Amino acid sequence: WGANGRTIPAAMPPLPPDTDLLVVMLGTNDLLQGRGPEEA
């Protein structure tokens, strides 16, 4: 569920009910767009 240019969204899209593990890695684009680490 990766997407080019994605910043941290306000909410997660609906997850399938059988999800055993959600791996999240975000924040790089937020920093590149000028957000500080604490804000991100």
PDB file of all heavy atoms in Angstrom:
ATOM      1  N   TRP A   1       0.834  -1.192   0.000  1.00  0.00           N
ATOM      2  CA  TRP A   1       0.000   0.000   0.000  1.00  0.00           C
ATOM      3  C   TRP A   1       0.870   1.243   0.000  1.00  0.00           C
ATOM      4  O   TRP A   1       0.555   2.249   0.635  1.00  0.00           O
ATOM      5  CB  TRP A   1      -0.939   0.005   1.206  1.00  0.00           C
ATOM      6  CG  TRP A   1      -2.130  -0.911   1.076  1.00  0.00           C
ATOM      7  CD1 TRP A   1      -2.288  -1.933   0.191  1.00  0.00           C
ATOM      8  CD2 TRP A   1      -3.309  -0.890   1.879  1.00  0.00           C
ATOM      9  NE1 TRP A   1      -3.492  -2.561   0.398  1.00  0.00           N
ATOM     10  CE2 TRP A   1      -4.142  -1.944   1.426  1.00  0.00           C
ATOM     11  CE3 TRP A   1      -3.733  -0.110   2.939  1.00  0.00           C
ATOM     12  CZ2 TRP A   1      -5.384  -2.203   2.005  1.00  0.00           C
ATOM     13  CZ3 TRP A   1      -4.971  -0.374   3.513  1.00  0.00           C
ATOM     14  CH2 TRP A   1      -5.790  -1.405   3.042  1.00  0.00           C
ATOM     15  N   GLY A   2       1.975   1.189  -0.726  1.00  0.00           N
ATOM     16  CA  GLY A   2       2.843   2.352  -0.864  1.00  0.00           C
ATOM     17  C   GLY A   2       2.362   3.235  -2.001  1.00  0.00           C
ATOM     18  O   GLY A   2       1.767   2.753  -2.963  1.00  0.00           O
ATOM     19  N   ALA A   3       2.617   4.538  -1.882  1.00  0.00           N
ATOM     20  CA  ALA A   3       2.228   5.492  -2.931  1.00  0.00           C
ATOM     21  C   ALA A   3       3.279   6.583  -3.023  1.00  0.00           C
ATOM     22  O   ALA A   3       3.712   7.129  -2.006  1.00  0.00           O
ATOM     23  CB  ALA A   3       0.863   6.103  -2.638  1.00  0.00           C
ATOM     24  N   ASN A   4       3.683   6.888  -4.244  1.00  0.00           N
ATOM     25  CA  ASN A   4       4.651   7.963  -4.471  1.00  0.00           C
ATOM     26  C   ASN A   4       4.124   9.280  -3.918  1.00  0.00           C
ATOM     27  O   ASN A   4       2.972   9.644  -4.150  1.00  0.00           O
ATOM     28  CB  ASN A   4       4.944   8.114  -5.966  1.00  0.00           C
ATOM     29  CG  ASN A   4       5.701   6.943  -6.534  1.00  0.00           C
ATOM     30  OD1 ASN A   4       6.368   6.207  -5.810  1.00  0.00           O
ATOM     31  ND2 ASN A   4       5.623   6.764  -7.840  1.00  0.00           N
ATOM     32  N   GLY A   5       4.987   9.989  -3.199  1.00  0.00           N
ATOM     33  CA  GLY A   5       4.640  11.311  -2.702  1.00  0.00           C
ATOM     34  C   GLY A   5       3.741  11.348  -1.487  1.00  0.00           C
ATOM     35  O   GLY A   5       3.374  12.433  -1.029  1.00  0.00           O
ATOM     36  N   ARG A   6       3.395  10.198  -0.934  1.00  0.00           N
ATOM     37  CA  ARG A   6       2.445  10.188   0.189  1.00  0.00           C
ATOM     38  C   ARG A   6       3.041  10.867   1.417  1.00  0.00           C
ATOM     39  O   ARG A   6       4.134  10.561   1.846  1.00  0.00           O
ATOM     40  CB  ARG A   6       2.039   8.761   0.537  1.00  0.00           C
ATOM     41  CG  ARG A   6       1.124   8.695   1.779  1.00  0.00           C
ATOM     42  CD  ARG A   6       0.677   7.279   2.097  1.00  0.00           C
ATOM     43  NE  ARG A   6      -0.415   6.919   1.213  1.00  0.00           N
ATOM     44  CZ  ARG A   6      -0.632   5.682   0.781  1.00  0.00           C
ATOM     45  NH1 ARG A   6       0.172   4.696   1.132  1.00  0.00           N
ATOM     46  NH2 ARG A   6      -1.649   5.434  -0.018  1.00  0.00           N
ATOM     47  N   THR A   7       2.274  11.792   1.969  1.00  0.00           N
ATOM     48  CA  THR A   7       2.567  12.348   3.280  1.00  0.00           C
ATOM     49  C   THR A   7       1.683  11.610   4.285  1.00  0.00           C
ATOM     50  O   THR A   7       0.845  10.792   3.906  1.00  0.00           O
ATOM     51  CB  THR A   7       2.279  13.863   3.323  1.00  0.00           C
ATOM     52  OG1 THR A   7       0.923  14.078   2.940  1.00  0.00           O
ATOM     53  CG2 THR A   7       3.218  14.629   2.390  1.00  0.00           C
ATOM     54  N   ILE A   8       1.863  11.918   5.545  1.00  0.00           N
ATOM     55  CA  ILE A   8       1.091  11.226   6.581  1.00  0.00           C
ATOM     56  C   ILE A   8      -0.363  11.698   6.494  1.00  0.00           C
ATOM     57  O   ILE A   8      -0.647  12.887   6.685  1.00  0.00           O
ATOM     58  CB  ILE A   8       1.674  11.529   7.971  1.00  0.00           C
ATOM     59  CG1 ILE A   8       3.139  11.073   8.041  1.00  0.00           C
ATOM     60  CG2 ILE A   8       0.837  10.851   9.055  1.00  0.00           C
ATOM     61  CD1 ILE A   8       3.911  11.602   9.223  1.00  0.00           C
ATOM     62  N   PRO A   9      -1.290  10.779   6.212  1.00  0.00           N
ATOM     63  CA  PRO A   9      -2.693  11.182   6.083  1.00  0.00           C
ATOM     64  C   PRO A   9      -3.351  11.357   7.453  1.00  0.00           C
ATOM     65  O   PRO A   9      -2.813  10.926   8.481  1.00  0.00           O
ATOM     66  CB  PRO A   9      -3.320  10.017   5.314  1.00  0.00           C
ATOM     67  CG  PRO A   9      -2.496   8.838   5.689  1.00  0.00           C
ATOM     68  CD  PRO A   9      -1.095   9.363   5.904  1.00  0.00           C
ATOM     69  N   ALA A  10      -4.528  11.946   7.457  1.00  0.00           N
ATOM     70  CA  ALA A  10      -5.266  12.139   8.702  1.00  0.00           C
ATOM     71  C   ALA A  10      -5.824  10.828   9.232  1.00  0.00           C
ATOM     72  O   ALA A  10      -6.012  10.674  10.439  1.00  0.00           O
ATOM     73  CB  ALA A  10      -6.392  13.142   8.487  1.00  0.00           C
ATOM     74  N   ALA A  11      -6.089   9.868   8.329  1.00  0.00           N
ATOM     75  CA  ALA A  11      -6.667   8.597   8.751  1.00  0.00           C
ATOM     76  C   ALA A  11      -6.192   7.486   7.821  1.00  0.00           C
ATOM     77  O   ALA A  11      -5.849   7.735   6.660  1.00  0.00           O
ATOM     78  CB  ALA A  11      -8.188   8.672   8.741  1.00  0.00           C
ATOM     79  N   MET A  12      -6.188   6.291   8.344  1.00  0.00           N
ATOM     80  CA  MET A  12      -5.806   5.108   7.578  1.00  0.00           C
ATOM     81  C   MET A  12      -6.994   4.664   6.725  1.00  0.00           C
ATOM     82  O   MET A  12      -8.136   4.684   7.193  1.00  0.00           O
ATOM     83  CB  MET A  12      -5.425   3.982   8.554  1.00  0.00           C
ATOM     84  CG  MET A  12      -4.895   2.729   7.912  1.00  0.00           C
ATOM     85  SD  MET A  12      -3.262   2.917   7.186  1.00  0.00           S
ATOM     86  CE  MET A  12      -2.265   3.219   8.630  1.00  0.00           C
ATOM     87  N   PRO A  13      -6.744   4.263   5.472  1.00  0.00           N
ATOM     88  CA  PRO A  13      -7.833   3.674   4.697  1.00  0.00           C
ATOM     89  C   PRO A  13      -8.353   2.424   5.418  1.00  0.00           C
ATOM     90  O   PRO A  13      -7.631   1.849   6.232  1.00  0.00           O
ATOM     91  CB  PRO A  13      -7.164   3.289   3.370  1.00  0.00           C
ATOM     92  CG  PRO A  13      -5.879   4.034   3.339  1.00  0.00           C
ATOM     93  CD  PRO A  13      -5.478   4.296   4.740  1.00  0.00           C
ATOM     94  N   PRO A  14      -9.579   2.008   5.136  1.00  0.00           N
ATOM     95  CA  PRO A  14     -10.114   0.816   5.795  1.00  0.00           C
ATOM     96  C   PRO A  14      -9.198  -0.398   5.568  1.00  0.00           C
ATOM     97  O   PRO A  14      -8.772  -0.664   4.446  1.00  0.00           O
ATOM     98  CB  PRO A  14     -11.473   0.612   5.134  1.00  0.00           C
ATOM     99  CG  PRO A  14     -11.842   1.956   4.599  1.00  0.00           C
ATOM    100  CD  PRO A  14     -10.553   2.620   4.222  1.00  0.00           C
ATOM    101  N   LEU A  15      -8.909  -1.106   6.650  1.00  0.00           N
ATOM    102  CA  LEU A  15      -8.059  -2.286   6.581  1.00  0.00           C
ATOM    103  C   LEU A  15      -8.908  -3.537   6.472  1.00  0.00           C
ATOM    104  O   LEU A  15      -9.976  -3.623   7.096  1.00  0.00           O
ATOM    105  CB  LEU A  15      -7.191  -2.386   7.842  1.00  0.00           C
ATOM    106  CG  LEU A  15      -6.216  -1.238   8.093  1.00  0.00           C
ATOM    107  CD1 LEU A  15      -5.606  -1.359   9.481  1.00  0.00           C
ATOM    108  CD2 LEU A  15      -5.137  -1.221   7.030  1.00  0.00           C
ATOM    109  N   PRO A  16      -8.451  -4.526   5.712  1.00  0.00           N
ATOM    110  CA  PRO A  16      -9.178  -5.802   5.682  1.00  0.00           C
ATOM    111  C   PRO A  16      -9.252  -6.387   7.090  1.00  0.00           C
ATOM    112  O   PRO A  16      -8.306  -6.245   7.873  1.00  0.00           O
ATOM    113  CB  PRO A  16      -8.318  -6.679   4.766  1.00  0.00           C
ATOM    114  CG  PRO A  16      -7.501  -5.716   3.957  1.00  0.00           C
ATOM    115  CD  PRO A  16      -7.275  -4.534   4.839  1.00  0.00           C
ATOM    116  N   PRO A  17     -10.360  -7.031   7.432  1.00  0.00           N
ATOM    117  CA  PRO A  17     -10.523  -7.551   8.793  1.00  0.00           C
ATOM    118  C   PRO A  17      -9.529  -8.658   9.158  1.00  0.00           C
ATOM    119  O   PRO A  17      -9.315  -8.919  10.337  1.00  0.00           O
ATOM    120  CB  PRO A  17     -11.966  -8.069   8.821  1.00  0.00           C
ATOM    121  CG  PRO A  17     -12.365  -8.221   7.398  1.00  0.00           C
ATOM    122  CD  PRO A  17     -11.540  -7.257   6.604  1.00  0.00           C
ATOM    123  N   ASP A  18      -8.916  -9.275   8.147  1.00  0.00           N
ATOM    124  CA  ASP A  18      -7.981 -10.371   8.434  1.00  0.00           C
ATOM    125  C   ASP A  18      -6.530  -9.895   8.545  1.00  0.00           C
ATOM    126  O   ASP A  18      -5.602 -10.698   8.529  1.00  0.00           O
ATOM    127  CB  ASP A  18      -8.084 -11.454   7.361  1.00  0.00           C
ATOM    128  CG  ASP A  18      -7.717 -10.961   5.970  1.00  0.00           C
ATOM    129  OD1 ASP A  18      -7.581  -9.731   5.771  1.00  0.00           O
ATOM    130  OD2 ASP A  18      -7.560 -11.811   5.070  1.00  0.00           O
ATOM    131  N   THR A  19      -6.311  -8.590   8.708  1.00  0.00           N
ATOM    132  CA  THR A  19      -4.956  -8.037   8.792  1.00  0.00           C
ATOM    133  C   THR A  19      -4.275  -8.505  10.078  1.00  0.00           C
ATOM    134  O   THR A  19      -4.758  -8.235  11.178  1.00  0.00           O
ATOM    135  CB  THR A  19      -4.982  -6.500   8.746  1.00  0.00           C
ATOM    136  OG1 THR A  19      -5.622  -6.089   7.539  1.00  0.00           O
ATOM    137  CG2 THR A  19      -3.570  -5.930   8.792  1.00  0.00           C
ATOM    138  N   ASP A  20      -3.152  -9.211   9.926  1.00  0.00           N
ATOM    139  CA  ASP A  20      -2.384  -9.690  11.075  1.00  0.00           C
ATOM    140  C   ASP A  20      -1.280  -8.722  11.471  1.00  0.00           C
ATOM    141  O   ASP A  20      -0.857  -8.698  12.630  1.00  0.00           O
ATOM    142  CB  ASP A  20      -1.742 -11.049  10.759  1.00  0.00           C
ATOM    143  CG  ASP A  20      -2.769 -12.131  10.521  1.00  0.00           C
ATOM    144  OD1 ASP A  20      -3.633 -12.319  11.402  1.00  0.00           O
ATOM    145  OD2 ASP A  20      -2.718 -12.777   9.459  1.00  0.00           O
ATOM    146  N   LEU A  21      -0.768  -7.955  10.504  1.00  0.00           N
ATOM    147  CA  LEU A  21       0.317  -7.026  10.784  1.00  0.00           C
ATOM    148  C   LEU A  21       0.209  -5.836   9.835  1.00  0.00           C
ATOM    149  O   LEU A  21       0.091  -6.011   8.622  1.00  0.00           O
ATOM    150  CB  LEU A  21       1.678  -7.705  10.595  1.00  0.00           C
ATOM    151  CG  LEU A  21       2.918  -6.827  10.831  1.00  0.00           C
ATOM    152  CD1 LEU A  21       2.991  -6.355  12.278  1.00  0.00           C
ATOM    153  CD2 LEU A  21       4.183  -7.586  10.454  1.00  0.00           C
ATOM    154  N   LEU A  22       0.243  -4.645  10.410  1.00  0.00           N
ATOM    155  CA  LEU A  22       0.281  -3.410   9.633  1.00  0.00           C
ATOM    156  C   LEU A  22       1.659  -2.797   9.843  1.00  0.00           C
ATOM    157  O   LEU A  22       2.025  -2.451  10.971  1.00  0.00           O
ATOM    158  CB  LEU A  22      -0.808  -2.440  10.090  1.00  0.00           C
ATOM    159  CG  LEU A  22      -0.777  -1.050   9.475  1.00  0.00           C
ATOM    160  CD1 LEU A  22      -1.009  -1.103   7.959  1.00  0.00           C
ATOM    161  CD2 LEU A  22      -1.801  -0.136  10.148  1.00  0.00           C
ATOM    162  N   VAL A  23       2.412  -2.674   8.757  1.00  0.00           N
ATOM    163  CA  VAL A  23       3.742  -2.070   8.788  1.00  0.00           C
ATOM    164  C   VAL A  23       3.606  -0.655   8.224  1.00  0.00           C
ATOM    165  O   VAL A  23       3.151  -0.488   7.091  1.00  0.00           O
ATOM    166  CB  VAL A  23       4.746  -2.891   7.944  1.00  0.00           C
ATOM    167  CG1 VAL A  23       6.113  -2.229   7.941  1.00  0.00           C
ATOM    168  CG2 VAL A  23       4.829  -4.323   8.450  1.00  0.00           C
ATOM    169  N   VAL A  24       3.993   0.344   9.005  1.00  0.00           N
ATOM    170  CA  VAL A  24       3.859   1.740   8.587  1.00  0.00           C
ATOM    171  C   VAL A  24       5.234   2.393   8.572  1.00  0.00           C
ATOM    172  O   VAL A  24       5.960   2.354   9.566  1.00  0.00           O
ATOM    173  CB  VAL A  24       2.920   2.516   9.540  1.00  0.00           C
ATOM    174  CG1 VAL A  24       2.863   3.992   9.154  1.00  0.00           C
ATOM    175  CG2 VAL A  24       1.530   1.904   9.538  1.00  0.00           C
ATOM    176  N   MET A  25       5.578   2.981   7.420  1.00  0.00           N
ATOM    177  CA  MET A  25       6.807   3.783   7.310  1.00  0.00           C
ATOM    178  C   MET A  25       6.463   5.030   6.494  1.00  0.00           C
ATOM    179  O   MET A  25       6.307   4.967   5.280  1.00  0.00           O
ATOM    180  CB  MET A  25       7.945   3.009   6.638  1.00  0.00           C
ATOM    181  CG  MET A  25       9.232   3.832   6.608  1.00  0.00           C
ATOM    182  SD  MET A  25      10.670   2.927   5.995  1.00  0.00           S
ATOM    183  CE  MET A  25      10.249   2.691   4.261  1.00  0.00           C
ATOM    184  N   LEU A  26       6.333   6.139   7.190  1.00  0.00           N
ATOM    185  CA  LEU A  26       5.980   7.416   6.582  1.00  0.00           C
ATOM    186  C   LEU A  26       6.767   8.528   7.252  1.00  0.00           C
ATOM    187  O   LEU A  26       7.372   8.328   8.299  1.00  0.00           O
ATOM    188  CB  LEU A  26       4.479   7.691   6.755  1.00  0.00           C
ATOM    189  CG  LEU A  26       3.526   6.893   5.873  1.00  0.00           C
ATOM    190  CD1 LEU A  26       2.097   7.042   6.382  1.00  0.00           C
ATOM    191  CD2 LEU A  26       3.619   7.349   4.434  1.00  0.00           C
ATOM    192  N   GLY A  27       6.722   9.719   6.668  1.00  0.00           N
ATOM    193  CA  GLY A  27       7.307  10.899   7.270  1.00  0.00           C
ATOM    194  C   GLY A  27       8.327  11.602   6.408  1.00  0.00           C
ATOM    195  O   GLY A  27       8.537  12.807   6.553  1.00  0.00           O
ATOM    196  N   THR A  28       8.966  10.865   5.495  1.00  0.00           N
ATOM    197  CA  THR A  28      10.005  11.481   4.666  1.00  0.00           C
ATOM    198  C   THR A  28       9.456  12.632   3.839  1.00  0.00           C
ATOM    199  O   THR A  28      10.049  13.716   3.794  1.00  0.00           O
ATOM    200  CB  THR A  28      10.658  10.416   3.758  1.00  0.00           C
ATOM    201  OG1 THR A  28      11.268   9.426   4.584  1.00  0.00           O
ATOM    202  CG2 THR A  28      11.696  11.041   2.856  1.00  0.00           C
ATOM    203  N   ASN A  29       8.311  12.434   3.195  1.00  0.00           N
ATOM    204  CA  ASN A  29       7.743  13.502   2.366  1.00  0.00           C
ATOM    205  C   ASN A  29       7.286  14.684   3.208  1.00  0.00           C
ATOM    206  O   ASN A  29       7.351  15.824   2.756  1.00  0.00           O
ATOM    207  CB  ASN A  29       6.596  12.967   1.502  1.00  0.00           C
ATOM    208  CG  ASN A  29       7.112  12.078   0.398  1.00  0.00           C
ATOM    209  OD1 ASN A  29       8.065  12.415  -0.290  1.00  0.00           O
ATOM    210  ND2 ASN A  29       6.497  10.914   0.240  1.00  0.00           N
ATOM    211  N   ASP A  30       6.839  14.413   4.429  1.00  0.00           N
ATOM    212  CA  ASP A  30       6.456  15.507   5.314  1.00  0.00           C
ATOM    213  C   ASP A  30       7.667  16.390   5.609  1.00  0.00           C
ATOM    214  O   ASP A  30       7.576  17.619   5.571  1.00  0.00           O
ATOM    215  CB  ASP A  30       5.877  14.945   6.612  1.00  0.00           C
ATOM    216  CG  ASP A  30       4.614  14.149   6.353  1.00  0.00           C
ATOM    217  OD1 ASP A  30       4.718  12.969   5.966  1.00  0.00           O
ATOM    218  OD2 ASP A  30       3.514  14.710   6.517  1.00  0.00           O
ATOM    219  N   LEU A  31       8.808  15.756   5.891  1.00  0.00           N
ATOM    220  CA  LEU A  31      10.035  16.511   6.154  1.00  0.00           C
ATOM    221  C   LEU A  31      10.472  17.282   4.906  1.00  0.00           C
ATOM    222  O   LEU A  31      10.860  18.451   4.998  1.00  0.00           O
ATOM    223  CB  LEU A  31      11.149  15.572   6.605  1.00  0.00           C
ATOM    224  CG  LEU A  31      10.924  14.811   7.916  1.00  0.00           C
ATOM    225  CD1 LEU A  31      12.082  13.861   8.180  1.00  0.00           C
ATOM    226  CD2 LEU A  31      10.716  15.752   9.088  1.00  0.00           C
ATOM    227  N   LEU A  32      10.386  16.630   3.743  1.00  0.00           N
ATOM    228  CA  LEU A  32      10.782  17.292   2.497  1.00  0.00           C
ATOM    229  C   LEU A  32       9.901  18.493   2.184  1.00  0.00           C
ATOM    230  O   LEU A  32      10.331  19.427   1.511  1.00  0.00           O
ATOM    231  CB  LEU A  32      10.748  16.295   1.331  1.00  0.00           C
ATOM    232  CG  LEU A  32      11.837  15.213   1.335  1.00  0.00           C
ATOM    233  CD1 LEU A  32      11.550  14.158   0.280  1.00  0.00           C
ATOM    234  CD2 LEU A  32      13.215  15.834   1.120  1.00  0.00           C
ATOM    235  N   GLN A  33       8.659  18.467   2.675  1.00  0.00           N
ATOM    236  CA  GLN A  33       7.732  19.576   2.438  1.00  0.00           C
ATOM    237  C   GLN A  33       7.799  20.648   3.530  1.00  0.00           C
ATOM    238  O   GLN A  33       6.976  21.552   3.560  1.00  0.00           O
ATOM    239  CB  GLN A  33       6.311  19.043   2.294  1.00  0.00           C
ATOM    240  CG  GLN A  33       6.131  18.243   1.024  1.00  0.00           C
ATOM    241  CD  GLN A  33       4.712  17.733   0.848  1.00  0.00           C
ATOM    242  OE1 GLN A  33       3.801  18.115   1.562  1.00  0.00           O
ATOM    243  NE2 GLN A  33       4.528  16.863  -0.128  1.00  0.00           N
ATOM    244  N   GLY A  34       8.772  20.511   4.436  1.00  0.00           N
ATOM    245  CA  GLY A  34       8.995  21.575   5.410  1.00  0.00           C
ATOM    246  C   GLY A  34       8.426  21.355   6.791  1.00  0.00           C
ATOM    247  O   GLY A  34       8.575  22.215   7.660  1.00  0.00           O
ATOM    248  N   ARG A  35       7.771  20.215   7.032  1.00  0.00           N
ATOM    249  CA  ARG A  35       7.300  19.948   8.384  1.00  0.00           C
ATOM    250  C   ARG A  35       8.489  19.562   9.263  1.00  0.00           C
ATOM    251  O   ARG A  35       9.389  18.869   8.823  1.00  0.00           O
ATOM    252  CB  ARG A  35       6.283  18.813   8.386  1.00  0.00           C
ATOM    253  CG  ARG A  35       4.960  19.208   7.795  1.00  0.00           C
ATOM    254  CD  ARG A  35       3.874  18.166   8.047  1.00  0.00           C
ATOM    255  NE  ARG A  35       2.631  18.627   7.498  1.00  0.00           N
ATOM    256  CZ  ARG A  35       2.166  18.286   6.298  1.00  0.00           C
ATOM    257  NH1 ARG A  35       2.853  17.480   5.528  1.00  0.00           N
ATOM    258  NH2 ARG A  35       1.015  18.761   5.869  1.00  0.00           N
ATOM    259  N   GLY A  36       8.445  19.967  10.500  1.00  0.00           N
ATOM    260  CA  GLY A  36       9.479  19.582  11.446  1.00  0.00           C
ATOM    261  C   GLY A  36       9.251  18.169  11.952  1.00  0.00           C
ATOM    262  O   GLY A  36       8.152  17.609  11.806  1.00  0.00           O
ATOM    263  N   PRO A  37      10.266  17.555  12.559  1.00  0.00           N
ATOM    264  CA  PRO A  37      10.142  16.183  13.059  1.00  0.00           C
ATOM    265  C   PRO A  37       9.005  16.010  14.065  1.00  0.00           C
ATOM    266  O   PRO A  37       8.268  15.020  14.005  1.00  0.00           O
ATOM    267  CB  PRO A  37      11.488  15.904  13.716  1.00  0.00           C
ATOM    268  CG  PRO A  37      12.412  16.958  13.258  1.00  0.00           C
ATOM    269  CD  PRO A  37      11.597  18.104  12.789  1.00  0.00           C
ATOM    270  N   GLU A  38       8.849  16.956  14.974  1.00  0.00           N
ATOM    271  CA  GLU A  38       7.799  16.839  15.992  1.00  0.00           C
ATOM    272  C   GLU A  38       6.416  16.954  15.358  1.00  0.00           C
ATOM    273  O   GLU A  38       5.494  16.231  15.735  1.00  0.00           O
ATOM    274  CB  GLU A  38       7.978  17.908  17.078  1.00  0.00           C
ATOM    275  CG  GLU A  38       9.226  17.726  17.920  1.00  0.00           C
ATOM    276  CD  GLU A  38      10.497  18.263  17.257  1.00  0.00           C
ATOM    277  OE1 GLU A  38      10.407  18.969  16.214  1.00  0.00           O
ATOM    278  OE2 GLU A  38      11.586  17.960  17.768  1.00  0.00           O
ATOM    279  N   GLU A  39       6.275  17.874  14.396  1.00  0.00           N
ATOM    280  CA  GLU A  39       4.980  18.016  13.719  1.00  0.00           C
ATOM    281  C   GLU A  39       4.640  16.750  12.947  1.00  0.00           C
ATOM    282  O   GLU A  39       3.501  16.270  12.995  1.00  0.00           O
ATOM    283  CB  GLU A  39       4.998  19.220  12.781  1.00  0.00           C
ATOM    284  CG  GLU A  39       3.669  19.446  12.078  1.00  0.00           C
ATOM    285  CD  GLU A  39       3.693  20.579  11.077  1.00  0.00           C
ATOM    286  OE1 GLU A  39       4.729  21.257  10.934  1.00  0.00           O
ATOM    287  OE2 GLU A  39       2.658  20.781  10.407  1.00  0.00           O
ATOM    288  N   ALA A  40       5.605  16.199  12.231  1.00  0.00           N
ATOM    289  CA  ALA A  40       5.362  14.955  11.483  1.00  0.00           C
ATOM    290  C   ALA A  40       5.002  13.821  12.436  1.00  0.00           C
ATOM    291  O   ALA A  40       4.081  13.038  12.163  1.00  0.00           O
ATOM    292  CB  ALA A  40       6.591  14.598  10.656  1.00  0.00           C
TER     293      ALA A  40
END
